[in-house]
PDB file of N, CA and C in Angstrom:
ATOM      1  N   UNK A   1     -60.165  30.787  51.285  1.00  0.00           N
ATOM      2  CA  UNK A   1     -60.381  31.950  50.457  1.00  0.00           C
ATOM      3  C   UNK A   1     -59.141  32.845  50.531  1.00  0.00           C
ATOM      4  N   UNK A   2     -58.814  33.482  49.449  1.00  0.00           N
ATOM      5  CA  UNK A   2     -57.625  34.331  49.377  1.00  0.00           C
ATOM      6  C   UNK A   2     -57.815  35.606  50.200  1.00  0.00           C
ATOM      7  N   UNK A   3     -56.687  36.177  50.591  1.00  0.00           N
ATOM      8  CA  UNK A   3     -56.699  37.412  51.391  1.00  0.00           C
ATOM      9  C   UNK A   3     -55.907  38.482  50.655  1.00  0.00           C
ATOM     10  N   UNK A   4     -56.513  39.672  50.509  1.00  0.00           N
ATOM     11  CA  UNK A   4     -55.825  40.797  49.882  1.00  0.00           C
ATOM     12  C   UNK A   4     -54.688  41.233  50.792  1.00  0.00           C
ATOM     13  N   UNK A   5     -53.476  41.135  50.277  1.00  0.00           N
ATOM     14  CA  UNK A   5     -52.308  41.406  51.089  1.00  0.00           C
ATOM     15  C   UNK A   5     -51.706  42.782  50.812  1.00  0.00           C
ATOM     16  N   UNK A   6     -51.613  43.160  49.520  1.00  0.00           N
ATOM     17  CA  UNK A   6     -50.905  44.393  49.174  1.00  0.00           C
ATOM     18  C   UNK A   6     -51.472  44.942  47.869  1.00  0.00           C
ATOM     19  N   UNK A   7     -52.023  46.145  47.917  1.00  0.00           N
ATOM     20  CA  UNK A   7     -52.527  46.789  46.696  1.00  0.00           C
ATOM     21  C   UNK A   7     -51.359  47.387  45.921  1.00  0.00           C
ATOM     22  N   UNK A   8     -51.383  47.222  44.609  1.00  0.00           N
ATOM     23  CA  UNK A   8     -50.289  47.704  43.769  1.00  0.00           C
ATOM     24  C   UNK A   8     -50.598  49.022  43.068  1.00  0.00           C
ATOM     25  N   UNK A   9     -51.804  49.527  43.242  1.00  0.00           N
ATOM     26  CA  UNK A   9     -52.153  50.787  42.592  1.00  0.00           C
ATOM     27  C   UNK A   9     -51.394  51.928  43.256  1.00  0.00           C
ATOM     28  N   UNK A  10     -50.827  52.800  42.462  1.00  0.00           N
ATOM     29  CA  UNK A  10     -50.041  53.952  42.915  1.00  0.00           C
ATOM     30  C   UNK A  10     -48.763  53.541  43.652  1.00  0.00           C
ATOM     31  N   UNK A  11     -48.258  52.363  43.360  1.00  0.00           N
ATOM     32  CA  UNK A  11     -47.014  51.885  43.951  1.00  0.00           C
ATOM     33  C   UNK A  11     -45.960  51.879  42.851  1.00  0.00           C
ATOM     34  N   UNK A  12     -44.757  52.351  43.170  1.00  0.00           N
ATOM     35  CA  UNK A  12     -43.696  52.348  42.175  1.00  0.00           C
ATOM     36  C   UNK A  12     -43.293  50.913  41.855  1.00  0.00           C
ATOM     37  N   UNK A  13     -42.741  50.723  40.676  1.00  0.00           N
ATOM     38  CA  UNK A  13     -42.304  49.387  40.275  1.00  0.00           C
ATOM     39  C   UNK A  13     -41.196  48.879  41.201  1.00  0.00           C
ATOM     40  N   UNK A  14     -40.360  49.799  41.675  1.00  0.00           N
ATOM     41  CA  UNK A  14     -39.282  49.427  42.601  1.00  0.00           C
ATOM     42  C   UNK A  14     -39.851  48.837  43.888  1.00  0.00           C
ATOM     43  N   UNK A  15     -40.853  49.495  44.462  1.00  0.00           N
ATOM     44  CA  UNK A  15     -41.445  49.000  45.701  1.00  0.00           C
ATOM     45  C   UNK A  15     -42.178  47.685  45.467  1.00  0.00           C
ATOM     46  N   UNK A  16     -42.896  47.580  44.344  1.00  0.00           N
ATOM     47  CA  UNK A  16     -43.600  46.337  44.038  1.00  0.00           C
ATOM     48  C   UNK A  16     -42.621  45.176  43.898  1.00  0.00           C
ATOM     49  N   UNK A  17     -41.482  45.417  43.250  1.00  0.00           N
ATOM     50  CA  UNK A  17     -40.473  44.372  43.098  1.00  0.00           C
ATOM     51  C   UNK A  17     -39.894  43.975  44.450  1.00  0.00           C
ATOM     52  N   UNK A  18     -39.674  44.946  45.326  1.00  0.00           N
ATOM     53  CA  UNK A  18     -39.166  44.638  46.666  1.00  0.00           C
ATOM     54  C   UNK A  18     -40.164  43.803  47.455  1.00  0.00           C
ATOM     55  N   UNK A  19     -41.452  44.133  47.347  1.00  0.00           N
ATOM     56  CA  UNK A  19     -42.487  43.372  48.061  1.00  0.00           C
ATOM     57  C   UNK A  19     -42.564  41.956  47.509  1.00  0.00           C
ATOM     58  N   UNK A  20     -42.538  41.828  46.176  1.00  0.00           N
ATOM     59  CA  UNK A  20     -42.563  40.491  45.567  1.00  0.00           C
ATOM     60  C   UNK A  20     -41.377  39.652  46.043  1.00  0.00           C
ATOM     61  N   UNK A  21     -40.191  40.261  46.049  1.00  0.00           N
ATOM     62  CA  UNK A  21     -38.992  39.540  46.481  1.00  0.00           C
ATOM     63  C   UNK A  21     -39.095  39.149  47.957  1.00  0.00           C
ATOM     64  N   UNK A  22     -39.586  40.036  48.795  1.00  0.00           N
ATOM     65  CA  UNK A  22     -39.738  39.750  50.215  1.00  0.00           C
ATOM     66  C   UNK A  22     -40.665  38.564  50.437  1.00  0.00           C
ATOM     67  N   UNK A  23     -41.821  38.601  49.784  1.00  0.00           N
ATOM     68  CA  UNK A  23     -42.796  37.530  49.967  1.00  0.00           C
ATOM     69  C   UNK A  23     -42.286  36.212  49.403  1.00  0.00           C
ATOM     70  N   UNK A  24     -41.549  36.292  48.302  1.00  0.00           N
ATOM     71  CA  UNK A  24     -41.003  35.089  47.686  1.00  0.00           C
ATOM     72  C   UNK A  24     -39.919  34.463  48.557  1.00  0.00           C
ATOM     73  N   UNK A  25     -39.013  35.276  49.065  1.00  0.00           N
ATOM     74  CA  UNK A  25     -37.907  34.728  49.851  1.00  0.00           C
ATOM     75  C   UNK A  25     -38.365  34.200  51.206  1.00  0.00           C
ATOM     76  N   UNK A  26     -39.508  34.688  51.704  1.00  0.00           N
ATOM     77  CA  UNK A  26     -40.032  34.169  52.960  1.00  0.00           C
ATOM     78  C   UNK A  26     -40.999  33.006  52.751  1.00  0.00           C
ATOM     79  N   UNK A  27     -41.232  32.646  51.488  1.00  0.00           N
ATOM     80  CA  UNK A  27     -41.997  31.442  51.169  1.00  0.00           C
ATOM     81  C   UNK A  27     -43.498  31.554  51.290  1.00  0.00           C
ATOM     82  N   UNK A  28     -44.044  32.733  51.138  1.00  0.00           N
ATOM     83  CA  UNK A  28     -45.495  32.891  51.202  1.00  0.00           C
ATOM     84  C   UNK A  28     -46.112  32.491  49.863  1.00  0.00           C
ATOM     85  N   UNK A  29     -47.282  31.868  49.933  1.00  0.00           N
ATOM     86  CA  UNK A  29     -48.003  31.425  48.740  1.00  0.00           C
ATOM     87  C   UNK A  29     -48.877  32.581  48.259  1.00  0.00           C
ATOM     88  N   UNK A  30     -48.369  33.343  47.275  1.00  0.00           N
ATOM     89  CA  UNK A  30     -49.071  34.539  46.797  1.00  0.00           C
ATOM     90  C   UNK A  30     -49.286  34.472  45.289  1.00  0.00           C
ATOM     91  N   UNK A  31     -50.228  35.277  44.826  1.00  0.00           N
ATOM     92  CA  UNK A  31     -50.421  35.477  43.399  1.00  0.00           C
ATOM     93  C   UNK A  31     -50.853  36.919  43.178  1.00  0.00           C
ATOM     94  N   UNK A  32     -50.748  37.376  41.917  1.00  0.00           N
ATOM     95  CA  UNK A  32     -51.065  38.759  41.570  1.00  0.00           C
ATOM     96  C   UNK A  32     -52.269  38.825  40.657  1.00  0.00           C
ATOM     97  N   UNK A  33     -53.011  39.914  40.789  1.00  0.00           N
ATOM     98  CA  UNK A  33     -54.093  40.198  39.856  1.00  0.00           C
ATOM     99  C   UNK A  33     -53.867  41.575  39.252  1.00  0.00           C
ATOM    100  N   UNK A  34     -54.392  41.767  38.063  1.00  0.00           N
ATOM    101  CA  UNK A  34     -54.314  43.044  37.361  1.00  0.00           C
ATOM    102  C   UNK A  34     -55.722  43.627  37.269  1.00  0.00           C
ATOM    103  N   UNK A  35     -55.804  44.935  37.177  1.00  0.00           N
ATOM    104  CA  UNK A  35     -57.108  45.605  37.124  1.00  0.00           C
ATOM    105  C   UNK A  35     -57.804  45.396  35.787  1.00  0.00           C
ATOM    106  N   UNK A  36     -57.054  45.106  34.745  1.00  0.00           N
ATOM    107  CA  UNK A  36     -57.657  44.891  33.449  1.00  0.00           C
ATOM    108  C   UNK A  36     -57.797  46.174  32.652  1.00  0.00           C
ATOM    109  N   UNK A  37     -58.287  46.025  31.440  1.00  0.00           N
ATOM    110  CA  UNK A  37     -58.379  47.137  30.504  1.00  0.00           C
ATOM    111  C   UNK A  37     -59.284  48.252  31.005  1.00  0.00           C
ATOM    112  N   UNK A  38     -60.428  47.897  31.569  1.00  0.00           N
ATOM    113  CA  UNK A  38     -61.369  48.911  32.030  1.00  0.00           C
ATOM    114  C   UNK A  38     -61.171  49.276  33.501  1.00  0.00           C
ATOM    115  N   UNK A  39     -60.117  48.770  34.133  1.00  0.00           N
ATOM    116  CA  UNK A  39     -59.766  49.053  35.522  1.00  0.00           C
ATOM    117  C   UNK A  39     -60.879  48.648  36.479  1.00  0.00           C
ATOM    118  N   UNK A  40     -61.574  47.562  36.173  1.00  0.00           N
ATOM    119  CA  UNK A  40     -62.645  47.084  37.037  1.00  0.00           C
ATOM    120  C   UNK A  40     -62.137  46.148  38.126  1.00  0.00           C
ATOM    121  N   UNK A  41     -60.962  45.576  37.928  1.00  0.00           N
ATOM    122  CA  UNK A  41     -60.379  44.675  38.908  1.00  0.00           C
ATOM    123  C   UNK A  41     -59.481  45.415  39.881  1.00  0.00           C
ATOM    124  N   UNK A  42     -58.633  44.666  40.561  1.00  0.00           N
ATOM    125  CA  UNK A  42     -57.743  45.227  41.563  1.00  0.00           C
ATOM    126  C   UNK A  42     -56.320  44.813  41.247  1.00  0.00           C
ATOM    127  N   UNK A  43     -55.426  45.799  41.117  1.00  0.00           N
ATOM    128  CA  UNK A  43     -53.998  45.507  41.013  1.00  0.00           C
ATOM    129  C   UNK A  43     -53.534  45.181  42.424  1.00  0.00           C
ATOM    130  N   UNK A  44     -53.222  43.916  42.684  1.00  0.00           N
ATOM    131  CA  UNK A  44     -52.887  43.550  44.053  1.00  0.00           C
ATOM    132  C   UNK A  44     -52.100  42.249  44.107  1.00  0.00           C
ATOM    133  N   UNK A  45     -51.507  42.044  45.271  1.00  0.00           N
ATOM    134  CA  UNK A  45     -50.880  40.771  45.598  1.00  0.00           C
ATOM    135  C   UNK A  45     -51.780  40.118  46.642  1.00  0.00           C
ATOM    136  N   UNK A  46     -52.166  38.895  46.379  1.00  0.00           N
ATOM    137  CA  UNK A  46     -53.089  38.167  47.233  1.00  0.00           C
ATOM    138  C   UNK A  46     -52.369  37.007  47.902  1.00  0.00           C
ATOM    139  N   UNK A  47     -52.747  36.709  49.106  1.00  0.00           N
ATOM    140  CA  UNK A  47     -52.217  35.573  49.848  1.00  0.00           C
ATOM    141  C   UNK A  47     -53.168  34.406  49.643  1.00  0.00           C
ATOM    142  N   UNK A  48     -52.664  33.316  49.062  1.00  0.00           N
ATOM    143  CA  UNK A  48     -53.517  32.168  48.760  1.00  0.00           C
ATOM    144  C   UNK A  48     -53.850  31.365  50.013  1.00  0.00           C
ATOM    145  N   UNK A  49     -52.896  31.217  50.904  1.00  0.00           N
ATOM    146  CA  UNK A  49     -53.091  30.427  52.118  1.00  0.00           C
ATOM    147  C   UNK A  49     -53.326  31.365  53.293  1.00  0.00           C
ATOM    148  N   UNK A  50     -54.571  31.454  53.749  1.00  0.00           N
ATOM    149  CA  UNK A  50     -54.909  32.407  54.806  1.00  0.00           C
ATOM    150  C   UNK A  50     -54.295  32.041  56.150  1.00  0.00           C
ATOM    151  N   UNK A  51     -53.784  30.818  56.290  1.00  0.00           N
ATOM    152  CA  UNK A  51     -53.109  30.451  57.537  1.00  0.00           C
ATOM    153  C   UNK A  51     -51.795  31.213  57.694  1.00  0.00           C
ATOM    154  N   UNK A  52     -51.280  31.759  56.598  1.00  0.00           N
ATOM    155  CA  UNK A  52     -50.038  32.531  56.625  1.00  0.00           C
ATOM    156  C   UNK A  52     -50.284  34.027  56.811  1.00  0.00           C
ATOM    157  N   UNK A  53     -51.534  34.393  57.028  1.00  0.00           N
ATOM    158  CA  UNK A  53     -51.919  35.805  57.033  1.00  0.00           C
ATOM    159  C   UNK A  53     -51.146  36.636  58.056  1.00  0.00           C
ATOM    160  N   UNK A  54     -51.118  36.217  59.289  1.00  0.00           N
ATOM    161  CA  UNK A  54     -50.457  37.013  60.330  1.00  0.00           C
ATOM    162  C   UNK A  54     -48.973  37.182  60.054  1.00  0.00           C
ATOM    163  N   UNK A  55     -48.314  36.110  59.644  1.00  0.00           N
ATOM    164  CA  UNK A  55     -46.876  36.180  59.363  1.00  0.00           C
ATOM    165  C   UNK A  55     -46.601  37.080  58.168  1.00  0.00           C
ATOM    166  N   UNK A  56     -47.437  36.982  57.133  1.00  0.00           N
ATOM    167  CA  UNK A  56     -47.242  37.807  55.933  1.00  0.00           C
ATOM    168  C   UNK A  56     -47.473  39.278  56.248  1.00  0.00           C
ATOM    169  N   UNK A  57     -48.529  39.569  57.013  1.00  0.00           N
ATOM    170  CA  UNK A  57     -48.797  40.964  57.371  1.00  0.00           C
ATOM    171  C   UNK A  57     -47.703  41.526  58.263  1.00  0.00           C
ATOM    172  N   UNK A  58     -47.164  40.695  59.168  1.00  0.00           N
ATOM    173  CA  UNK A  58     -46.066  41.144  60.025  1.00  0.00           C
ATOM    174  C   UNK A  58     -44.826  41.433  59.189  1.00  0.00           C
ATOM    175  N   UNK A  59     -44.527  40.586  58.208  1.00  0.00           N
ATOM    176  CA  UNK A  59     -43.371  40.807  57.335  1.00  0.00           C
ATOM    177  C   UNK A  59     -43.544  42.086  56.528  1.00  0.00           C
ATOM    178  N   UNK A  60     -44.757  42.324  56.011  1.00  0.00           N
ATOM    179  CA  UNK A  60     -45.027  43.553  55.252  1.00  0.00           C
ATOM    180  C   UNK A  60     -44.943  44.788  56.147  1.00  0.00           C
ATOM    181  N   UNK A  61     -45.447  44.706  57.368  1.00  0.00           N
ATOM    182  CA  UNK A  61     -45.362  45.843  58.293  1.00  0.00           C
ATOM    183  C   UNK A  61     -43.906  46.195  58.580  1.00  0.00           C
ATOM    184  N   UNK A  62     -43.094  45.172  58.818  1.00  0.00           N
ATOM    185  CA  UNK A  62     -41.674  45.402  59.075  1.00  0.00           C
ATOM    186  C   UNK A  62     -41.009  46.043  57.865  1.00  0.00           C
ATOM    187  N   UNK A  63     -41.321  45.524  56.671  1.00  0.00           N
ATOM    188  CA  UNK A  63     -40.755  46.081  55.439  1.00  0.00           C
ATOM    189  C   UNK A  63     -41.170  47.541  55.265  1.00  0.00           C
ATOM    190  N   UNK A  64     -42.462  47.831  55.466  1.00  0.00           N
ATOM    191  CA  UNK A  64     -42.953  49.184  55.238  1.00  0.00           C
ATOM    192  C   UNK A  64     -42.370  50.177  56.245  1.00  0.00           C
ATOM    193  N   UNK A  65     -42.169  49.758  57.472  1.00  0.00           N
ATOM    194  CA  UNK A  65     -41.540  50.646  58.456  1.00  0.00           C
ATOM    195  C   UNK A  65     -40.092  50.937  58.065  1.00  0.00           C
ATOM    196  N   UNK A  66     -39.371  49.902  57.598  1.00  0.00           N
ATOM    197  CA  UNK A  66     -37.983  50.097  57.166  1.00  0.00           C
ATOM    198  C   UNK A  66     -37.931  50.992  55.932  1.00  0.00           C
ATOM    199  N   UNK A  67     -38.854  50.800  54.996  1.00  0.00           N
ATOM    200  CA  UNK A  67     -38.882  51.625  53.787  1.00  0.00           C
ATOM    201  C   UNK A  67     -39.217  53.079  54.128  1.00  0.00           C
ATOM    202  N   UNK A  68     -40.154  53.286  55.033  1.00  0.00           N
ATOM    203  CA  UNK A  68     -40.504  54.635  55.453  1.00  0.00           C
ATOM    204  C   UNK A  68     -39.293  55.342  56.052  1.00  0.00           C
ATOM    205  N   UNK A  69     -38.574  54.655  56.920  1.00  0.00           N
ATOM    206  CA  UNK A  69     -37.386  55.250  57.533  1.00  0.00           C
ATOM    207  C   UNK A  69     -36.329  55.560  56.480  1.00  0.00           C
ATOM    208  N   UNK A  70     -36.140  54.642  55.529  1.00  0.00           N
ATOM    209  CA  UNK A  70     -35.147  54.837  54.461  1.00  0.00           C
ATOM    210  C   UNK A  70     -35.514  56.025  53.575  1.00  0.00           C
ATOM    211  N   UNK A  71     -36.775  56.121  53.175  1.00  0.00           N
ATOM    212  CA  UNK A  71     -37.215  57.218  52.310  1.00  0.00           C
ATOM    213  C   UNK A  71     -37.192  58.551  53.050  1.00  0.00           C
ATOM    214  N   UNK A  72     -37.551  58.532  54.335  1.00  0.00           N
ATOM    215  CA  UNK A  72     -37.522  59.760  55.125  1.00  0.00           C
ATOM    216  C   UNK A  72     -36.088  60.268  55.264  1.00  0.00           C
ATOM    217  N   UNK A  73     -35.149  59.343  55.504  1.00  0.00           N
ATOM    218  CA  UNK A  73     -33.735  59.727  55.597  1.00  0.00           C
ATOM    219  C   UNK A  73     -33.238  60.296  54.274  1.00  0.00           C
ATOM    220  N   UNK A  74     -33.636  59.674  53.162  1.00  0.00           N
ATOM    221  CA  UNK A  74     -33.219  60.162  51.850  1.00  0.00           C
ATOM    222  C   UNK A  74     -33.770  61.563  51.598  1.00  0.00           C
ATOM    223  N   UNK A  75     -35.020  61.803  52.007  1.00  0.00           N
ATOM    224  CA  UNK A  75     -35.610  63.128  51.834  1.00  0.00           C
ATOM    225  C   UNK A  75     -34.900  64.167  52.685  1.00  0.00           C
ATOM    226  N   UNK A  76     -34.613  63.819  53.923  1.00  0.00           N
ATOM    227  CA  UNK A  76     -33.917  64.751  54.811  1.00  0.00           C
ATOM    228  C   UNK A  76     -32.519  65.074  54.280  1.00  0.00           C
ATOM    229  N   UNK A  77     -31.830  64.082  53.736  1.00  0.00           N
ATOM    230  CA  UNK A  77     -30.518  64.327  53.149  1.00  0.00           C
ATOM    231  C   UNK A  77     -30.637  65.231  51.924  1.00  0.00           C
ATOM    232  N   UNK A  78     -31.657  65.006  51.100  1.00  0.00           N
ATOM    233  CA  UNK A  78     -31.868  65.858  49.924  1.00  0.00           C
ATOM    234  C   UNK A  78     -32.204  67.280  50.353  1.00  0.00           C
ATOM    235  N   UNK A  79     -32.987  67.424  51.426  1.00  0.00           N
ATOM    236  CA  UNK A  79     -33.331  68.754  51.912  1.00  0.00           C
ATOM    237  C   UNK A  79     -32.081  69.461  52.449  1.00  0.00           C
ATOM    238  N   UNK A  80     -31.234  68.720  53.148  1.00  0.00           N
ATOM    239  CA  UNK A  80     -30.007  69.314  53.685  1.00  0.00           C
ATOM    240  C   UNK A  80     -29.074  69.769  52.567  1.00  0.00           C
ATOM    241  N   UNK A  81     -29.063  69.043  51.455  1.00  0.00           N
ATOM    242  CA  UNK A  81     -28.237  69.422  50.303  1.00  0.00           C
ATOM    243  C   UNK A  81     -28.917  70.481  49.436  1.00  0.00           C
ATOM    244  N   UNK A  82     -30.181  70.777  49.721  1.00  0.00           N
ATOM    245  CA  UNK A  82     -30.922  71.753  48.922  1.00  0.00           C
ATOM    246  C   UNK A  82     -31.472  71.169  47.638  1.00  0.00           C
ATOM    247  N   UNK A  83     -31.626  69.851  47.578  1.00  0.00           N
ATOM    248  CA  UNK A  83     -32.107  69.184  46.368  1.00  0.00           C
ATOM    249  C   UNK A  83     -33.546  68.693  46.492  1.00  0.00           C
ATOM    250  N   UNK A  84     -34.181  68.917  47.625  1.00  0.00           N
ATOM    251  CA  UNK A  84     -35.554  68.452  47.819  1.00  0.00           C
ATOM    252  C   UNK A  84     -36.497  69.244  46.911  1.00  0.00           C
ATOM    253  N   UNK A  85     -37.503  68.576  46.343  1.00  0.00           N
ATOM    254  CA  UNK A  85     -38.431  69.285  45.462  1.00  0.00           C
ATOM    255  C   UNK A  85     -39.288  70.288  46.237  1.00  0.00           C
ATOM    256  N   UNK A  86     -39.380  71.487  45.718  1.00  0.00           N
ATOM    257  CA  UNK A  86     -40.236  72.527  46.286  1.00  0.00           C
ATOM    258  C   UNK A  86     -41.111  73.065  45.158  1.00  0.00           C
ATOM    259  N   UNK A  87     -42.117  73.839  45.513  1.00  0.00           N
ATOM    260  CA  UNK A  87     -42.993  74.416  44.493  1.00  0.00           C
ATOM    261  C   UNK A  87     -42.198  75.323  43.557  1.00  0.00           C
ATOM    262  N   UNK A  88     -41.290  76.115  44.113  1.00  0.00           N
ATOM    263  CA  UNK A  88     -40.500  77.020  43.300  1.00  0.00           C
ATOM    264  C   UNK A  88     -39.598  76.248  42.324  1.00  0.00           C
ATOM    265  N   UNK A  89     -38.980  75.161  42.793  1.00  0.00           N
ATOM    266  CA  UNK A  89     -38.123  74.357  41.921  1.00  0.00           C
ATOM    267  C   UNK A  89     -38.938  73.685  40.821  1.00  0.00           C
ATOM    268  N   UNK A  90     -40.134  73.241  41.169  1.00  0.00           N
ATOM    269  CA  UNK A  90     -41.000  72.640  40.145  1.00  0.00           C
ATOM    270  C   UNK A  90     -41.429  73.685  39.125  1.00  0.00           C
ATOM    271  N   UNK A  91     -41.700  74.907  39.609  1.00  0.00           N
ATOM    272  CA  UNK A  91     -42.069  75.977  38.690  1.00  0.00           C
ATOM    273  C   UNK A  91     -40.923  76.292  37.738  1.00  0.00           C
ATOM    274  N   UNK A  92     -39.704  76.346  38.264  1.00  0.00           N
ATOM    275  CA  UNK A  92     -38.550  76.623  37.405  1.00  0.00           C
ATOM    276  C   UNK A  92     -38.290  75.485  36.422  1.00  0.00           C
ATOM    277  N   UNK A  93     -38.549  74.249  36.830  1.00  0.00           N
ATOM    278  CA  UNK A  93     -38.311  73.103  35.950  1.00  0.00           C
ATOM    279  C   UNK A  93     -39.400  72.976  34.889  1.00  0.00           C
ATOM    280  N   UNK A  94     -40.658  73.262  35.259  1.00  0.00           N
ATOM    281  CA  UNK A  94     -41.791  73.116  34.335  1.00  0.00           C
ATOM    282  C   UNK A  94     -42.723  74.308  34.464  1.00  0.00           C
ATOM    283  N   UNK A  95     -42.315  75.489  34.006  1.00  0.00           N
ATOM    284  CA  UNK A  95     -43.137  76.688  34.232  1.00  0.00           C
ATOM    285  C   UNK A  95     -44.497  76.639  33.540  1.00  0.00           C
ATOM    286  N   UNK A  96     -44.557  76.098  32.344  1.00  0.00           N
ATOM    287  CA  UNK A  96     -45.832  76.057  31.614  1.00  0.00           C
ATOM    288  C   UNK A  96     -46.811  75.134  32.325  1.00  0.00           C
ATOM    289  N   UNK A  97     -46.349  73.971  32.747  1.00  0.00           N
ATOM    290  CA  UNK A  97     -47.228  73.020  33.424  1.00  0.00           C
ATOM    291  C   UNK A  97     -47.765  73.588  34.739  1.00  0.00           C
ATOM    292  N   UNK A  98     -46.911  74.223  35.525  1.00  0.00           N
ATOM    293  CA  UNK A  98     -47.347  74.799  36.795  1.00  0.00           C
ATOM    294  C   UNK A  98     -48.313  75.955  36.538  1.00  0.00           C
ATOM    295  N   UNK A  99     -48.012  76.806  35.571  1.00  0.00           N
ATOM    296  CA  UNK A  99     -48.889  77.938  35.270  1.00  0.00           C
ATOM    297  C   UNK A  99     -50.260  77.461  34.794  1.00  0.00           C
ATOM    298  N   UNK A 100     -50.283  76.455  33.917  1.00  0.00           N
ATOM    299  CA  UNK A 100     -51.566  75.926  33.434  1.00  0.00           C
ATOM    300  C   UNK A 100     -52.359  75.271  34.563  1.00  0.00           C
ATOM    301  N   UNK A 101     -51.681  74.622  35.469  1.00  0.00           N
ATOM    302  CA  UNK A 101     -52.359  74.019  36.611  1.00  0.00           C
ATOM    303  C   UNK A 101     -52.982  75.093  37.489  1.00  0.00           C
ATOM    304  N   UNK A 102     -52.242  76.159  37.750  1.00  0.00           N
ATOM    305  CA  UNK A 102     -52.791  77.251  38.558  1.00  0.00           C
ATOM    306  C   UNK A 102     -53.969  77.925  37.860  1.00  0.00           C
ATOM    307  N   UNK A 103     -53.882  78.115  36.553  1.00  0.00           N
ATOM    308  CA  UNK A 103     -54.997  78.695  35.793  1.00  0.00           C
ATOM    309  C   UNK A 103     -56.212  77.774  35.872  1.00  0.00           C
ATOM    310  N   UNK A 104     -55.995  76.475  35.747  1.00  0.00           N
ATOM    311  CA  UNK A 104     -57.111  75.519  35.839  1.00  0.00           C
ATOM    312  C   UNK A 104     -57.769  75.578  37.212  1.00  0.00           C
ATOM    313  N   UNK A 105     -56.988  75.694  38.258  1.00  0.00           N
ATOM    314  CA  UNK A 105     -57.554  75.780  39.613  1.00  0.00           C
ATOM    315  C   UNK A 105     -58.396  77.039  39.754  1.00  0.00           C
ATOM    316  N   UNK A 106     -57.907  78.158  39.246  1.00  0.00           N
ATOM    317  CA  UNK A 106     -58.650  79.418  39.339  1.00  0.00           C
ATOM    318  C   UNK A 106     -59.941  79.337  38.521  1.00  0.00           C
ATOM    319  N   UNK A 107     -59.875  78.783  37.330  1.00  0.00           N
ATOM    320  CA  UNK A 107     -61.071  78.666  36.482  1.00  0.00           C
ATOM    321  C   UNK A 107     -62.116  77.773  37.148  1.00  0.00           C
ATOM    322  N   UNK A 108     -61.682  76.646  37.690  1.00  0.00           N
ATOM    323  CA  UNK A 108     -62.631  75.743  38.357  1.00  0.00           C
ATOM    324  C   UNK A 108     -63.241  76.422  39.579  1.00  0.00           C
ATOM    325  N   UNK A 109     -62.440  77.154  40.334  1.00  0.00           N
ATOM    326  CA  UNK A 109     -62.973  77.872  41.494  1.00  0.00           C
ATOM    327  C   UNK A 109     -63.987  78.927  41.066  1.00  0.00           C
ATOM    328  N   UNK A 110     -63.674  79.658  39.995  1.00  0.00           N
ATOM    329  CA  UNK A 110     -64.617  80.668  39.512  1.00  0.00           C
ATOM    330  C   UNK A 110     -65.910  80.048  39.010  1.00  0.00           C
ATOM    331  N   UNK A 111     -65.807  78.958  38.255  1.00  0.00           N
ATOM    332  CA  UNK A 111     -67.010  78.289  37.756  1.00  0.00           C
ATOM    333  C   UNK A 111     -67.850  77.724  38.901  1.00  0.00           C
ATOM    334  N   UNK A 112     -67.199  77.298  39.935  1.00  0.00           N
ATOM    335  CA  UNK A 112     -67.929  76.765  41.087  1.00  0.00           C
ATOM    336  C   UNK A 112     -68.616  77.874  41.863  1.00  0.00           C
ATOM    337  N   UNK A 113     -67.960  79.002  41.996  1.00  0.00           N
ATOM    338  CA  UNK A 113     -68.491  80.098  42.811  1.00  0.00           C
ATOM    339  C   UNK A 113     -69.392  81.055  42.023  1.00  0.00           C
ATOM    340  N   UNK A 114     -69.358  81.007  40.717  1.00  0.00           N
ATOM    341  CA  UNK A 114     -70.116  81.931  39.873  1.00  0.00           C
ATOM    342  C   UNK A 114     -71.606  81.978  40.209  1.00  0.00           C
ATOM    343  N   UNK A 115     -72.289  80.876  40.382  1.00  0.00           N
ATOM    344  CA  UNK A 115     -73.723  80.958  40.731  1.00  0.00           C
ATOM    345  C   UNK A 115     -73.968  81.690  42.051  1.00  0.00           C
ATOM    346  N   UNK A 116     -73.068  81.525  42.995  1.00  0.00           N
ATOM    347  CA  UNK A 116     -73.248  82.156  44.303  1.00  0.00           C
ATOM    348  C   UNK A 116     -72.884  83.641  44.243  1.00  0.00           C
ATOM    349  N   UNK A 117     -71.944  84.018  43.410  1.00  0.00           N
ATOM    350  CA  UNK A 117     -71.597  85.427  43.257  1.00  0.00           C
ATOM    351  C   UNK A 117     -72.741  86.205  42.621  1.00  0.00           C
ATOM    352  N   UNK A 118     -73.482  85.571  41.736  1.00  0.00           N
ATOM    353  CA  UNK A 118     -74.654  86.207  41.107  1.00  0.00           C
ATOM    354  C   UNK A 118     -75.767  86.459  42.099  1.00  0.00           C
ATOM    355  N   UNK A 119     -75.864  85.645  43.128  1.00  0.00           N
ATOM    356  CA  UNK A 119     -76.905  85.824  44.149  1.00  0.00           C
ATOM    357  C   UNK A 119     -76.586  86.981  45.092  1.00  0.00           C
ATOM    358  N   UNK A 120     -75.321  87.344  45.206  1.00  0.00           N
ATOM    359  CA  UNK A 120     -74.913  88.375  46.169  1.00  0.00           C
ATOM    360  C   UNK A 120     -75.282  89.782  45.686  1.00  0.00           C
ATOM    361  N   UNK A 121     -75.433  89.997  44.384  1.00  0.00           N
ATOM    362  CA  UNK A 121     -75.771  91.329  43.865  1.00  0.00           C
ATOM    363  C   UNK A 121     -77.264  91.563  43.998  1.00  0.00           C
ATOM    364  N   UNK A 122     -77.640  92.733  44.538  1.00  0.00           N
ATOM    365  CA  UNK A 122     -79.073  93.027  44.708  1.00  0.00           C
ATOM    366  C   UNK A 122     -79.756  93.445  43.429  1.00  0.00           C
TER     367      UNK A 122
END
């Protein structure tokens, strides 16, 4: 029976391509599935031969640790240069989107709390 090796949902295309290349170059027997039109399935990479499970998971763990270190270093370098994304920078880049998001949060909070605020008045 196949083993779910790597979920592709919320993964960038760059990372998915790196994972595919890693698994391919190490000779693992894998295949991909798509979630489909109604998103009822799973976007994932599956391991066909479960005897390769430990080796494949070890290779993925090593890759993910290296990627984490690489991305963390890139973020720290961007922060040191003053290029890291912050709320203020996002507001300056997209003021309407940030303002509408904040308004939506306030409206949802008010609609959620409105029944309870009515109970507080005698």
